[in-house]
């Protein structure tokens, strides 16, 4: 482990960059959502702008912190000044997070009681921007900390009761969750005085708040526990090229991908095969086909979230553990590019969707018919092409990582053949996209999607059996 001074210096730099990422992301998403509201709502009211509260608070808090840091440490600093600046950003990032979470807790019940109306069939939760920011921030922080050989649990890594301390931290996390829950419930009770709501609405909102906190606490605890296991295994690993925890986390990631693909195929088949009588039966229960699709997509989105985070952790630790034995700029840069694409893809594609809605609404307000239809179709194609381009770039990164592992001696030269095979698969997908409709092509994607992760699991398991000493020789 490094000295505390180095750890604090790197933590300060990473904390500052996290604040910058949050401000830029919130600014982009908030501006697009604000434009969408102003253009698509006939008479925007205060309750509508309340749904932009999260983005506004993140931007305001982040800008104030960055300005304080810039003005306070504007002049060249000596070693002591640098240390003070790093301490400032470490503490400021914690304050920034607490302000965002408190705002989230306050706005949650109010947004649930007064939801945003559907805008061009594109209604979003008030905290969707915060959800989108979660991916790039977590991926950046995990990769940056591990690359700098800094552990989240560095203060307890040498402790004999390491896992007991990890459970204590999860308990502290539960205490903070209860505090935020108290803020939400207090806001909900206070809202009775200013909003005329029925007892049924109150109970429904309270149940929704409880379930949200339970899901968030369980997800964050599971993520922290997985990270703690990886940190301990990586820290104690001295003999093997990569630790067993890294291999297991990668297998879990692929298992989630399989589960997601299987559920997607099953849900799509079920919804497409619904008869008119079954659709009418759902309608009698107040459930439309659109709501069924939305619920299925919500579950798939949750699975995708877990798989992306598991992939981030496993690939980050694989890259850093491999780098201890054999330095490879090609491998490290390819892995960083892969994670960067994964981190920003969901955020920018979601922002692009909102931009599409805004553009189409402007064209319709101008009374343009054929040109508006053509523009809507073109934007839809651009969105699809953008999504496929991001996936293609991730495949390129995988191929480059395979080349780096072969060049470094971790894989047999025969694995180079996987690159032309992946290329042929890609051309087959491009051909099938032009020959099938959207529903048929979705089946094809779900069938092809798990093939490369399965191959990657085979590679990781085979590399995980190698010792660092034999690899060096």
Protein backbone atom coordinates (compact mmCIF):
# COMPACT_ATOMS: atom_id res chain seq x y z
CA UNK A 1 0.00 0.00 0.00
CA UNK A 2 1.05 3.62 -0.55
CA UNK A 3 1.62 6.27 2.04
CA UNK A 4 -1.40 8.17 3.22
CA UNK A 5 -0.16 11.35 1.49
CA UNK A 6 -0.26 9.68 -1.92
CA UNK A 7 -3.63 8.11 -1.20
CA UNK A 8 -5.11 11.45 -0.16
CA UNK A 9 -3.62 13.20 -3.19
CA UNK A 10 -5.16 10.70 -5.60
CA UNK A 11 -8.46 10.68 -3.70
CA UNK A 12 -8.60 14.47 -3.95
CA UNK A 13 -8.00 14.41 -7.71
CA UNK A 14 -10.60 11.69 -8.29
CA UNK A 15 -13.14 13.43 -6.03
CA UNK A 16 -12.73 16.69 -7.96
CA UNK A 17 -13.23 14.89 -11.30
CA UNK A 18 -16.34 13.12 -9.97
CA UNK A 19 -17.85 16.50 -9.07
CA UNK A 20 -17.04 17.79 -12.57
CA UNK A 21 -18.63 14.73 -14.20
CA UNK A 22 -21.79 15.12 -12.10
CA UNK A 23 -22.12 18.83 -12.97
CA UNK A 24 -21.60 18.33 -16.72
CA UNK A 25 -23.97 15.34 -16.83
CA UNK A 26 -26.68 17.09 -14.82
CA UNK A 27 -26.33 20.20 -16.99
CA UNK A 28 -26.78 18.26 -20.24
CA UNK A 29 -29.69 16.15 -19.03
CA UNK A 30 -31.37 19.04 -17.16
CA UNK A 31 -31.16 21.38 -20.17
CA UNK A 32 -32.72 18.79 -22.48
CA UNK A 33 -35.50 17.95 -20.03
CA UNK A 34 -36.22 21.65 -19.40
CA UNK A 35 -36.50 22.27 -23.15
CA UNK A 36 -38.82 19.28 -23.42
CA UNK A 37 -41.10 20.66 -20.69
CA UNK A 38 -41.21 24.19 -22.09
CA UNK A 39 -42.02 22.99 -25.61
CA UNK A 40 -44.42 20.16 -24.84
CA UNK A 41 -46.37 21.37 -21.78
CA UNK A 42 -49.05 23.93 -22.53
CA UNK A 43 -48.84 25.68 -19.15
CA UNK A 44 -45.83 24.57 -17.12
CA UNK A 45 -46.40 24.97 -13.38
CA UNK A 46 -44.10 24.87 -10.37
CA UNK A 47 -44.91 21.21 -9.73
CA UNK A 48 -43.55 20.39 -13.19
CA UNK A 49 -40.26 22.19 -12.65
CA UNK A 50 -39.94 20.36 -9.34
CA UNK A 51 -38.99 17.32 -11.42
CA UNK A 52 -35.82 19.18 -12.46
CA UNK A 53 -34.89 19.81 -8.82
CA UNK A 54 -32.30 17.03 -8.67
CA UNK A 55 -30.36 18.34 -11.66
CA UNK A 56 -30.56 21.93 -10.39
CA UNK A 57 -29.25 21.01 -6.93
CA UNK A 58 -26.43 18.85 -8.33
CA UNK A 59 -25.35 21.69 -10.64
CA UNK A 60 -25.60 24.39 -7.95
CA UNK A 61 -23.78 22.37 -5.31
CA UNK A 62 -21.06 21.24 -7.72
CA UNK A 63 -20.44 24.71 -9.18
CA UNK A 64 -20.16 26.28 -5.71
CA UNK A 65 -17.66 23.62 -4.58
CA UNK A 66 -15.57 23.92 -7.75
CA UNK A 67 -15.54 27.73 -7.53
CA UNK A 68 -14.49 27.62 -3.87
CA UNK A 69 -11.71 25.20 -4.71
CA UNK A 70 -10.55 27.27 -7.69
CA UNK A 71 -10.48 30.60 -5.83
CA UNK A 72 -9.07 29.20 -2.59
CA UNK A 73 -6.23 27.34 -4.30
CA UNK A 74 -5.81 29.46 -7.43
CA UNK A 75 -2.19 30.44 -6.80
CA UNK A 76 0.59 27.82 -7.13
CA UNK A 77 0.70 25.73 -3.98
CA UNK A 78 3.55 24.09 -2.15
CA UNK A 79 3.37 20.56 -0.81
CA UNK A 80 1.31 21.67 2.18
CA UNK A 81 -1.07 23.66 -0.04
CA UNK A 82 -1.57 20.65 -2.33
CA UNK A 83 -2.36 18.48 0.69
CA UNK A 84 -4.92 21.03 1.92
CA UNK A 85 -6.51 21.22 -1.53
CA UNK A 86 -6.83 17.42 -1.67
CA UNK A 87 -8.39 17.34 1.79
CA UNK A 88 -10.83 20.05 0.65
CA UNK A 89 -12.01 18.08 -2.39
CA UNK A 90 -12.27 14.86 -0.38
CA UNK A 91 -14.57 16.54 2.14
CA UNK A 92 -16.37 18.56 -0.55
CA UNK A 93 -17.26 15.45 -2.56
CA UNK A 94 -18.87 13.95 0.57
CA UNK A 95 -20.84 17.16 1.14
CA UNK A 96 -21.85 17.16 -2.54
CA UNK A 97 -23.16 13.60 -2.25
CA UNK A 98 -25.05 14.29 0.98
CA UNK A 99 -26.72 17.38 -0.48
CA UNK A 100 -27.83 15.38 -3.55
CA UNK A 101 -29.16 12.51 -1.41
CA UNK A 102 -31.06 14.84 0.95
CA UNK A 103 -32.63 16.60 -2.03
CA UNK A 104 -33.53 13.22 -3.50
CA UNK A 105 -35.18 12.17 -0.22
CA UNK A 106 -37.18 15.43 -0.01
CA UNK A 107 -38.37 15.40 -3.61
CA UNK A 108 -39.26 11.70 -3.80
CA UNK A 109 -42.69 11.82 -2.08
CA UNK A 110 -43.62 15.15 -3.71
CA UNK A 111 -42.78 13.82 -7.17
CA UNK A 112 -44.75 10.63 -6.46
CA UNK A 113 -47.83 12.62 -5.39
CA UNK A 114 -47.61 15.00 -8.35
CA UNK A 115 -46.01 12.99 -11.18
CA UNK A 116 -44.91 14.61 -14.42
CA UNK A 117 -47.52 14.18 -17.18
CA UNK A 118 -46.62 12.07 -20.18
CA UNK A 119 -44.85 14.25 -22.75
CA UNK A 120 -45.15 12.73 -26.22
CA UNK A 121 -45.37 9.31 -24.56
CA UNK A 122 -42.03 10.04 -22.90
CA UNK A 123 -42.62 10.45 -19.16
CA UNK A 124 -39.54 10.02 -16.96
CA UNK A 125 -39.05 9.73 -13.19
CA UNK A 126 -37.82 12.89 -11.47
CA UNK A 127 -34.55 11.17 -10.45
CA UNK A 128 -33.83 9.54 -13.82
CA UNK A 129 -30.95 11.96 -14.41
CA UNK A 130 -29.35 10.87 -11.13
CA UNK A 131 -29.77 7.24 -12.20
CA UNK A 132 -28.02 7.95 -15.51
CA UNK A 133 -25.13 9.70 -13.74
CA UNK A 134 -24.63 6.65 -11.53
CA UNK A 135 -23.01 4.61 -14.34
CA UNK A 136 -20.20 6.92 -15.50
CA UNK A 137 -19.40 8.02 -11.94
CA UNK A 138 -19.18 4.48 -10.51
CA UNK A 139 -17.18 3.21 -13.48
CA UNK A 140 -14.78 6.16 -13.37
CA UNK A 141 -14.26 6.00 -9.60
CA UNK A 142 -13.73 2.22 -9.47
CA UNK A 143 -11.30 2.23 -12.40
CA UNK A 144 -9.40 5.30 -11.19
CA UNK A 145 -9.06 4.04 -7.63
CA UNK A 146 -7.87 0.62 -8.73
CA UNK A 147 -5.50 2.03 -11.36
CA UNK A 148 -3.86 4.16 -8.66
CA UNK A 149 -3.74 1.11 -6.35
CA UNK A 150 -6.07 2.78 -3.87
CA UNK A 151 -8.58 0.65 -2.01
CA UNK A 152 -11.97 1.87 -0.83
CA UNK A 153 -11.41 -0.15 2.36
CA UNK A 154 -7.70 0.64 2.71
CA UNK A 155 -8.09 1.52 6.41
CA UNK A 156 -9.37 -1.99 7.29
CA UNK A 157 -7.59 -4.22 4.74
CA UNK A 158 -4.96 -5.40 7.24
CA UNK A 159 -7.54 -5.97 9.96
CA UNK A 160 -8.10 -9.54 11.19
CA UNK A 161 -11.82 -8.78 11.35
CA UNK A 162 -12.00 -7.43 7.82
CA UNK A 163 -15.42 -8.84 6.92
CA UNK A 164 -16.84 -7.93 10.31
CA UNK A 165 -15.80 -4.33 9.61
CA UNK A 166 -17.36 -4.57 6.13
CA UNK A 167 -20.64 -5.65 7.73
CA UNK A 168 -20.34 -2.76 10.17
CA UNK A 169 -20.00 -0.38 7.22
CA UNK A 170 -23.12 -1.92 5.66
CA UNK A 171 -24.85 -1.32 8.99
CA UNK A 172 -23.74 2.33 8.90
CA UNK A 173 -25.10 2.53 5.37
CA UNK A 174 -28.41 1.24 6.74
CA UNK A 175 -28.39 3.98 9.38
CA UNK A 176 -27.92 6.64 6.67
CA UNK A 177 -30.72 5.02 4.65
CA UNK A 178 -33.03 5.23 7.67
CA UNK A 179 -32.13 8.90 8.10
CA UNK A 180 -33.02 9.59 4.46
CA UNK A 181 -36.21 7.55 4.86
CA UNK A 182 -37.15 9.74 7.84
CA UNK A 183 -36.66 12.83 5.65
CA UNK A 184 -38.90 11.37 2.95
CA UNK A 185 -41.63 10.37 5.39
CA UNK A 186 -41.47 13.77 7.11
CA UNK A 187 -41.87 15.47 3.73
CA UNK A 188 -44.78 13.15 2.92
CA UNK A 189 -46.52 13.97 6.20
CA UNK A 190 -45.89 17.69 5.75
CA UNK A 191 -47.31 17.53 2.22
CA UNK A 192 -50.73 16.63 3.67
CA UNK A 193 -50.97 20.21 4.92
CA UNK A 194 -50.33 21.79 1.52
CA UNK A 195 -51.63 19.14 -0.91
CA UNK A 196 -55.11 17.71 -0.84
CA UNK A 197 -54.50 13.95 -1.00
CA UNK A 198 -56.69 10.99 -0.09
CA UNK A 199 -55.68 8.34 2.48
CA UNK A 200 -55.32 5.86 -0.39
CA UNK A 201 -52.84 8.15 -2.16
CA UNK A 202 -50.92 8.64 1.09
CA UNK A 203 -50.60 4.89 1.75
CA UNK A 204 -49.69 4.17 -1.87
CA UNK A 205 -46.97 6.83 -1.81
CA UNK A 206 -45.62 5.62 1.55
CA UNK A 207 -45.42 2.04 0.25
CA UNK A 208 -43.64 3.25 -2.88
CA UNK A 209 -41.11 5.15 -0.73
CA UNK A 210 -40.44 2.09 1.46
CA UNK A 211 -39.94 -0.19 -1.56
CA UNK A 212 -37.62 2.34 -3.22
CA UNK A 213 -35.40 2.56 -0.15
CA UNK A 214 -35.37 -1.21 0.28
CA UNK A 215 -34.33 -1.77 -3.34
CA UNK A 216 -31.67 0.97 -3.26
CA UNK A 217 -30.21 -0.21 0.06
CA UNK A 218 -30.11 -3.85 -1.06
CA UNK A 219 -28.47 -2.92 -4.40
CA UNK A 220 -25.83 -0.61 -2.90
CA UNK A 221 -25.04 -3.10 -0.11
CA UNK A 222 -24.61 -5.92 -2.62
CA UNK A 223 -22.36 -3.73 -4.77
CA UNK A 224 -20.23 -2.70 -1.77
CA UNK A 225 -19.99 -6.31 -0.56
CA UNK A 226 -18.84 -7.48 -4.01
CA UNK A 227 -16.31 -4.64 -4.14
CA UNK A 228 -15.02 -5.54 -0.65
CA UNK A 229 -14.58 -9.21 -1.58
CA UNK A 230 -12.68 -8.22 -4.74
CA UNK A 231 -10.46 -5.78 -2.84
CA UNK A 232 -9.53 -8.34 -0.18
CA UNK A 233 -8.89 -11.13 -2.70
CA UNK A 234 -6.82 -8.84 -4.91
CA UNK A 235 -4.85 -7.44 -1.95
CA UNK A 236 -4.01 -10.92 -0.61
CA UNK A 237 -3.29 -12.42 -4.04
CA UNK A 238 0.44 -13.06 -4.47
CA UNK A 239 0.69 -16.36 -6.36
CA UNK A 240 -1.96 -16.33 -9.08
CA UNK A 241 -2.04 -14.11 -12.15
CA UNK A 242 -5.59 -12.99 -11.28
CA UNK A 243 -7.54 -13.68 -8.09
CA UNK A 244 -10.42 -16.13 -7.80
CA UNK A 245 -12.77 -13.30 -6.85
CA UNK A 246 -12.11 -11.64 -10.22
CA UNK A 247 -12.94 -14.87 -12.06
CA UNK A 248 -16.10 -15.45 -9.99
CA UNK A 249 -17.33 -11.86 -10.50
CA UNK A 250 -16.87 -12.24 -14.27
CA UNK A 251 -18.86 -15.50 -14.24
CA UNK A 252 -21.62 -13.76 -12.26
CA UNK A 253 -21.65 -10.96 -14.84
CA UNK A 254 -22.12 -13.44 -17.71
CA UNK A 255 -24.81 -15.26 -15.72
CA UNK A 256 -26.72 -11.98 -15.44
CA UNK A 257 -26.32 -11.43 -19.19
CA UNK A 258 -27.80 -14.89 -19.84
CA UNK A 259 -30.66 -14.18 -17.45
CA UNK A 260 -31.33 -10.84 -19.12
CA UNK A 261 -31.29 -12.34 -22.63
CA UNK A 262 -33.57 -15.23 -21.57
CA UNK A 263 -36.07 -12.93 -19.87
CA UNK A 264 -36.04 -10.55 -22.85
CA UNK A 265 -36.82 -13.39 -25.28
CA UNK A 266 -39.54 -14.82 -23.01
CA UNK A 267 -41.18 -11.42 -22.40
CA UNK A 268 -41.06 -10.47 -26.08
CA UNK A 269 -42.54 -13.83 -27.13
CA UNK A 270 -45.30 -13.61 -24.53
CA UNK A 271 -46.32 -10.05 -25.40
CA UNK A 272 -46.22 -10.66 -29.17
CA UNK A 273 -48.33 -13.81 -28.77
CA UNK A 274 -51.10 -12.15 -26.72
CA UNK A 275 -54.54 -12.80 -28.15
CA UNK A 276 -57.27 -10.17 -28.34
CA UNK A 277 -59.09 -11.85 -25.43
CA UNK A 278 -55.96 -11.74 -23.25
CA UNK A 279 -55.39 -8.08 -24.13
CA UNK A 280 -58.99 -7.33 -23.15
CA UNK A 281 -58.51 -9.22 -19.88
CA UNK A 282 -55.48 -7.08 -19.02
CA UNK A 283 -57.44 -3.98 -20.01
CA UNK A 284 -60.18 -4.90 -17.53
CA UNK A 285 -57.49 -4.90 -14.82
CA UNK A 286 -56.37 -1.46 -15.98
CA UNK A 287 -53.18 -2.73 -17.66
CA UNK A 288 -52.45 -1.88 -21.28
CA UNK A 289 -50.00 -3.63 -23.60
CA UNK A 290 -47.80 -0.54 -23.42
CA UNK A 291 -47.65 -0.89 -19.62
CA UNK A 292 -46.67 -4.57 -19.95
CA UNK A 293 -43.84 -3.59 -22.28
CA UNK A 294 -42.78 -0.83 -19.87
CA UNK A 295 -42.71 -3.22 -16.89
CA UNK A 296 -40.71 -5.80 -18.85
CA UNK A 297 -38.25 -3.10 -19.92
CA UNK A 298 -37.96 -1.96 -16.29
CA UNK A 299 -36.94 -5.45 -15.17
CA UNK A 300 -34.52 -5.81 -18.10
CA UNK A 301 -33.04 -2.40 -17.25
CA UNK A 302 -32.43 -3.54 -13.65
CA UNK A 303 -30.69 -6.71 -14.87
CA UNK A 304 -28.63 -4.64 -17.29
CA UNK A 305 -27.61 -2.31 -14.48
CA UNK A 306 -26.34 -5.18 -12.32
CA UNK A 307 -24.53 -6.83 -15.26
CA UNK A 308 -22.79 -3.57 -16.28
CA UNK A 309 -21.62 -2.93 -12.71
CA UNK A 310 -20.42 -6.53 -12.27
CA UNK A 311 -18.58 -6.29 -15.60
CA UNK A 312 -17.01 -2.99 -14.52
CA UNK A 313 -15.67 -4.47 -11.29
CA UNK A 314 -14.40 -7.72 -12.82
CA UNK A 315 -12.74 -6.11 -15.86
CA UNK A 316 -11.15 -3.39 -13.72
CA UNK A 317 -9.62 -5.88 -11.31
CA UNK A 318 -8.59 -8.20 -14.15
CA UNK A 319 -6.80 -5.31 -15.88
CA UNK A 320 -4.99 -4.13 -12.75
CA UNK A 321 -4.01 -7.60 -11.53
CA UNK A 322 -2.71 -8.53 -14.98
CA UNK A 323 -0.81 -5.23 -15.08
CA UNK A 324 1.10 -6.14 -11.91
CA UNK A 325 2.82 -9.00 -13.74
CA UNK A 326 3.02 -7.73 -17.31
CA UNK A 327 2.60 -4.09 -18.26
CA UNK A 328 0.58 -3.68 -21.46
CA UNK A 329 -0.51 -0.25 -22.65
CA UNK A 330 -2.67 -1.83 -25.37
CA UNK A 331 -4.60 -3.93 -22.85
CA UNK A 332 -5.01 -1.19 -20.25
CA UNK A 333 -6.08 1.41 -22.80
CA UNK A 334 -8.50 -0.99 -24.52
CA UNK A 335 -10.05 -1.91 -21.16
CA UNK A 336 -10.31 1.78 -20.22
CA UNK A 337 -11.97 2.57 -23.57
CA UNK A 338 -14.42 -0.33 -23.13
CA UNK A 339 -15.42 0.87 -19.66
CA UNK A 340 -15.64 4.48 -20.84
CA UNK A 341 -18.05 3.51 -23.63
CA UNK A 342 -20.09 1.41 -21.18
CA UNK A 343 -20.23 4.31 -18.73
CA UNK A 344 -21.38 7.02 -21.12
CA UNK A 345 -23.44 4.96 -23.58
CA UNK A 346 -26.66 4.78 -21.54
CA UNK A 347 -26.44 8.43 -20.49
CA UNK A 348 -25.91 9.91 -23.94
CA UNK A 349 -28.36 7.56 -25.68
CA UNK A 350 -31.05 8.60 -23.18
CA UNK A 351 -30.19 12.27 -23.77
CA UNK A 352 -30.34 11.62 -27.50
CA UNK A 353 -33.85 10.20 -27.12
CA UNK A 354 -35.00 13.38 -25.38
CA UNK A 355 -33.37 15.48 -28.12
CA UNK A 356 -35.32 13.43 -30.69
CA UNK A 357 -38.60 14.17 -28.91
CA UNK A 358 -37.81 17.89 -28.74
CA UNK A 359 -36.89 18.10 -32.43
CA UNK A 360 -39.99 16.22 -33.54
CA UNK A 361 -42.21 18.44 -31.37
CA UNK A 362 -40.68 21.60 -32.87
CA UNK A 363 -41.27 20.32 -36.40
CA UNK A 364 -44.89 19.42 -35.61
CA UNK A 365 -45.53 22.83 -34.07
CA UNK A 366 -44.28 24.38 -37.31
CA UNK A 367 -46.96 22.44 -39.18
CA UNK A 368 -44.54 20.47 -41.36
CA UNK A 369 -46.05 17.11 -42.33
CA UNK A 370 -43.97 15.06 -44.78
CA UNK A 371 -40.72 16.69 -43.78
CA UNK A 372 -41.60 16.07 -40.12
CA UNK A 373 -42.28 12.39 -40.82
CA UNK A 374 -39.01 12.11 -42.72
CA UNK A 375 -37.11 13.82 -39.89
CA UNK A 376 -38.68 11.54 -37.27
CA UNK A 377 -37.70 8.47 -39.32
CA UNK A 378 -34.16 9.80 -39.84
CA UNK A 379 -33.68 10.53 -36.14
CA UNK A 380 -34.86 7.04 -35.28
CA UNK A 381 -32.33 5.57 -37.69
CA UNK A 382 -29.58 7.79 -36.26
CA UNK A 383 -30.42 6.61 -32.75
CA UNK A 384 -30.20 2.96 -33.86
CA UNK A 385 -26.93 3.59 -35.70
CA UNK A 386 -25.49 5.38 -32.66
CA UNK A 387 -26.39 2.45 -30.40
CA UNK A 388 -24.88 -0.07 -32.80
CA UNK A 389 -21.75 2.05 -33.22
CA UNK A 390 -21.17 2.04 -29.46
CA UNK A 391 -21.60 -1.76 -29.39
CA UNK A 392 -19.24 -2.10 -32.38
CA UNK A 393 -16.57 -0.02 -30.62
CA UNK A 394 -16.88 -2.26 -27.56
CA UNK A 395 -16.30 -5.30 -29.80
CA UNK A 396 -13.20 -3.61 -31.20
CA UNK A 397 -11.95 -3.07 -27.64
CA UNK A 398 -12.51 -6.77 -26.86
CA UNK A 399 -10.51 -7.77 -29.95
CA UNK A 400 -7.66 -5.43 -28.95
CA UNK A 401 -7.62 -6.90 -25.43
CA UNK A 402 -7.38 -10.42 -26.90
CA UNK A 403 -4.44 -9.31 -29.07
CA UNK A 404 -2.74 -7.76 -26.03
CA UNK A 405 -3.19 -10.95 -23.97
CA UNK A 406 -1.76 -13.07 -26.81
CA UNK A 407 1.20 -10.72 -27.26
CA UNK A 408 1.78 -10.75 -23.50
CA UNK A 409 1.86 -14.56 -23.40
CA UNK A 410 -1.27 -14.99 -21.28
CA UNK A 411 -3.16 -16.66 -24.17
CA UNK A 412 -2.17 -19.10 -26.89
CA UNK A 413 -1.65 -17.63 -30.36
CA UNK A 414 -4.60 -19.68 -31.64
CA UNK A 415 -6.95 -17.25 -29.91
CA UNK A 416 -6.14 -14.69 -32.61
CA UNK A 417 -8.55 -16.69 -34.79
CA UNK A 418 -11.40 -15.44 -32.60
CA UNK A 419 -11.01 -11.96 -34.12
CA UNK A 420 -11.98 -12.94 -37.72
CA UNK A 421 -14.76 -15.11 -36.27
CA UNK A 422 -16.14 -12.10 -34.35
CA UNK A 423 -15.85 -10.05 -37.55
CA UNK A 424 -17.85 -12.64 -39.53
CA UNK A 425 -20.52 -12.68 -36.80
CA UNK A 426 -20.73 -8.91 -37.01
CA UNK A 427 -21.22 -8.97 -40.79
CA UNK A 428 -23.93 -11.65 -40.39
CA UNK A 429 -25.77 -9.40 -37.93
CA UNK A 430 -25.50 -6.44 -40.31
CA UNK A 431 -26.88 -8.58 -43.16
CA UNK A 432 -29.76 -9.95 -41.04
CA UNK A 433 -30.68 -6.43 -39.92
CA UNK A 434 -31.35 -5.51 -43.56
CA UNK A 435 -33.34 -8.70 -44.22
CA UNK A 436 -35.57 -8.95 -41.13
CA UNK A 437 -38.03 -6.74 -39.31
CA UNK A 438 -37.43 -5.25 -35.87
CA UNK A 439 -39.16 -8.07 -33.93
CA UNK A 440 -37.27 -10.81 -35.78
CA UNK A 441 -33.96 -9.01 -35.46
CA UNK A 442 -34.47 -8.64 -31.69
CA UNK A 443 -34.61 -12.46 -31.46
CA UNK A 444 -31.39 -12.71 -33.48
CA UNK A 445 -29.62 -10.19 -31.23
CA UNK A 446 -30.68 -12.05 -28.08
CA UNK A 447 -29.35 -15.31 -29.55
CA UNK A 448 -25.99 -13.85 -30.63
CA UNK A 449 -25.54 -11.60 -27.59
CA UNK A 450 -24.34 -14.26 -25.08
CA UNK A 451 -21.79 -15.90 -27.45
CA UNK A 452 -18.94 -13.44 -26.90
CA UNK A 453 -19.44 -13.25 -23.09
CA UNK A 454 -19.28 -17.09 -22.96
CA UNK A 455 -16.00 -17.02 -24.85
CA UNK A 456 -14.67 -14.31 -22.54
CA UNK A 457 -15.57 -16.47 -19.50
CA UNK A 458 -13.56 -19.31 -21.02
CA UNK A 459 -10.58 -16.96 -21.44
CA UNK A 460 -10.82 -15.54 -17.91
CA UNK A 461 -11.11 -19.00 -16.31
CA UNK A 462 -8.11 -20.30 -18.26
CA UNK A 463 -6.01 -17.25 -17.33
CA UNK A 464 -7.17 -17.52 -13.71
CA UNK A 465 -5.51 -20.97 -13.47
CA UNK A 466 -2.07 -19.53 -14.23
CA UNK A 467 0.33 -18.55 -11.49
CA UNK A 468 2.20 -15.27 -11.63
CA UNK A 469 5.60 -17.02 -11.30
CA UNK A 470 5.06 -19.41 -14.22
CA UNK A 471 3.69 -16.55 -16.32
CA UNK A 472 6.81 -14.47 -15.65
CA UNK A 473 9.01 -17.24 -16.88
